[in-house]
Protein backbone atom coordinates (compact mmCIF):
# COMPACT_ATOMS: atom_id res chain seq x y z
CA UNK A 1 0.00 0.00 0.00
CA UNK A 2 2.87 2.36 0.74
CA UNK A 3 4.29 1.72 -2.69
CA UNK A 4 1.16 3.21 -4.29
CA UNK A 5 1.71 6.59 -2.66
CA UNK A 6 3.84 8.95 -4.70
CA UNK A 7 6.44 11.14 -3.11
CA UNK A 8 7.11 14.58 -4.47
CA UNK A 9 10.29 16.49 -3.83
CA UNK A 10 8.50 19.85 -3.74
CA UNK A 11 5.81 18.72 -1.27
CA UNK A 12 6.31 20.49 2.05
CA UNK A 13 3.17 19.07 3.72
CA UNK A 14 1.06 22.22 3.74
CA UNK A 15 -2.69 21.89 3.16
CA UNK A 16 -4.05 24.38 0.63
CA UNK A 17 -7.67 23.19 0.75
CA UNK A 18 -8.97 20.56 3.15
CA UNK A 19 -11.05 18.20 1.01
CA UNK A 20 -11.68 15.58 3.70
CA UNK A 21 -15.32 16.70 4.24
CA UNK A 22 -16.17 16.67 0.52
CA UNK A 23 -17.95 13.61 -0.78
CA UNK A 24 -17.92 12.50 -4.39
CA UNK A 25 -21.08 13.38 -6.29
CA UNK A 26 -22.63 10.71 -8.51
CA UNK A 27 -22.53 11.54 -12.20
CA UNK A 28 -25.53 9.66 -13.55
CA UNK A 29 -28.06 9.32 -10.74
CA UNK A 30 -28.17 12.07 -8.10
CA UNK A 31 -28.73 10.96 -4.55
CA UNK A 32 -31.22 13.26 -2.90
CA UNK A 33 -30.98 11.53 0.47
CA UNK A 34 -27.51 13.02 0.99
CA UNK A 35 -28.86 16.50 0.26
CA UNK A 36 -31.70 16.00 2.73
CA UNK A 37 -29.28 14.70 5.35
CA UNK A 38 -27.02 17.71 4.95
CA UNK A 39 -30.00 20.04 5.17
CA UNK A 40 -31.26 18.32 8.35
CA UNK A 41 -27.85 18.53 9.99
CA UNK A 42 -27.77 22.27 9.47
CA UNK A 43 -24.97 24.63 8.59
CA UNK A 44 -21.51 24.01 9.94
CA UNK A 45 -19.65 26.53 12.03
CA UNK A 46 -17.81 27.86 8.99
CA UNK A 47 -20.97 28.56 7.00
CA UNK A 48 -23.34 31.43 7.83
CA UNK A 49 -26.79 30.42 9.06
CA UNK A 50 -28.64 32.57 6.52
CA UNK A 51 -27.89 33.03 2.85
CA UNK A 52 -26.09 36.22 1.93
CA UNK A 53 -28.04 39.16 0.65
CA UNK A 54 -27.88 39.49 -3.11
CA UNK A 55 -29.27 42.98 -3.29
CA UNK A 56 -27.18 45.39 -5.27
CA UNK A 57 -25.44 48.12 -3.38
CA UNK A 58 -25.53 50.36 -6.47
CA UNK A 59 -28.15 53.07 -6.28
CA UNK A 60 -29.61 53.71 -9.71
CA UNK A 61 -31.99 56.47 -10.56
CA UNK A 62 -35.02 55.93 -12.76
CA UNK A 63 -33.29 56.78 -16.06
CA UNK A 64 -30.33 54.51 -15.42
CA UNK A 65 -32.59 51.62 -14.42
CA UNK A 66 -34.68 52.07 -17.57
CA UNK A 67 -31.51 52.19 -19.69
CA UNK A 68 -30.27 48.93 -18.14
CA UNK A 69 -33.62 47.19 -18.65
CA UNK A 70 -33.82 48.50 -22.21
CA UNK A 71 -30.33 47.23 -22.96
CA UNK A 72 -31.14 43.80 -21.59
CA UNK A 73 -34.37 43.60 -23.59
CA UNK A 74 -32.67 44.76 -26.78
CA UNK A 75 -29.91 42.19 -26.33
CA UNK A 76 -32.49 39.45 -25.88
CA UNK A 77 -34.40 40.61 -28.95
CA UNK A 78 -31.18 40.62 -30.96
CA UNK A 79 -30.53 36.99 -30.03
CA UNK A 80 -34.11 35.99 -30.87
CA UNK A 81 -33.87 37.87 -34.17
CA UNK A 82 -30.65 36.08 -35.13
CA UNK A 83 -32.21 32.74 -34.33
CA UNK A 84 -35.31 33.60 -36.39
CA UNK A 85 -33.17 34.63 -39.37
CA UNK A 86 -31.16 31.42 -39.09
CA UNK A 87 -34.33 29.33 -38.89
CA UNK A 88 -35.81 31.12 -41.90
CA UNK A 89 -32.58 30.55 -43.85
CA UNK A 90 -32.68 26.87 -42.93
CA UNK A 91 -36.29 26.57 -44.13
CA UNK A 92 -35.46 28.34 -47.40
CA UNK A 93 -32.41 26.11 -47.91
CA UNK A 94 -34.48 22.98 -47.34
CA UNK A 95 -37.18 24.20 -49.73
CA UNK A 96 -34.53 25.03 -52.35
CA UNK A 97 -32.91 21.59 -52.07
CA UNK A 98 -36.20 19.68 -52.14
CA UNK A 99 -37.94 21.90 -54.71
């Protein structure tokens, strides 16, 4: 068993991240009983008891907020428009090949 362990010359024994508490997650079938068990145990001493607040600390006035919302909506519409043009081109290509 000792032969399987590798020795590194640069290893000074320091721990960068303690991974002893981390369990391996299944790739194909998730196990929800482990999630429930962790939730029932409660947060550890290192974790805060309540989730952090995700509210923005940036104070925006009405015009700035409208500009941000408008930019987000226009970006979404641009993506939808590109997808619609691509779908229309695909349909026209298929009709051209079959017709």
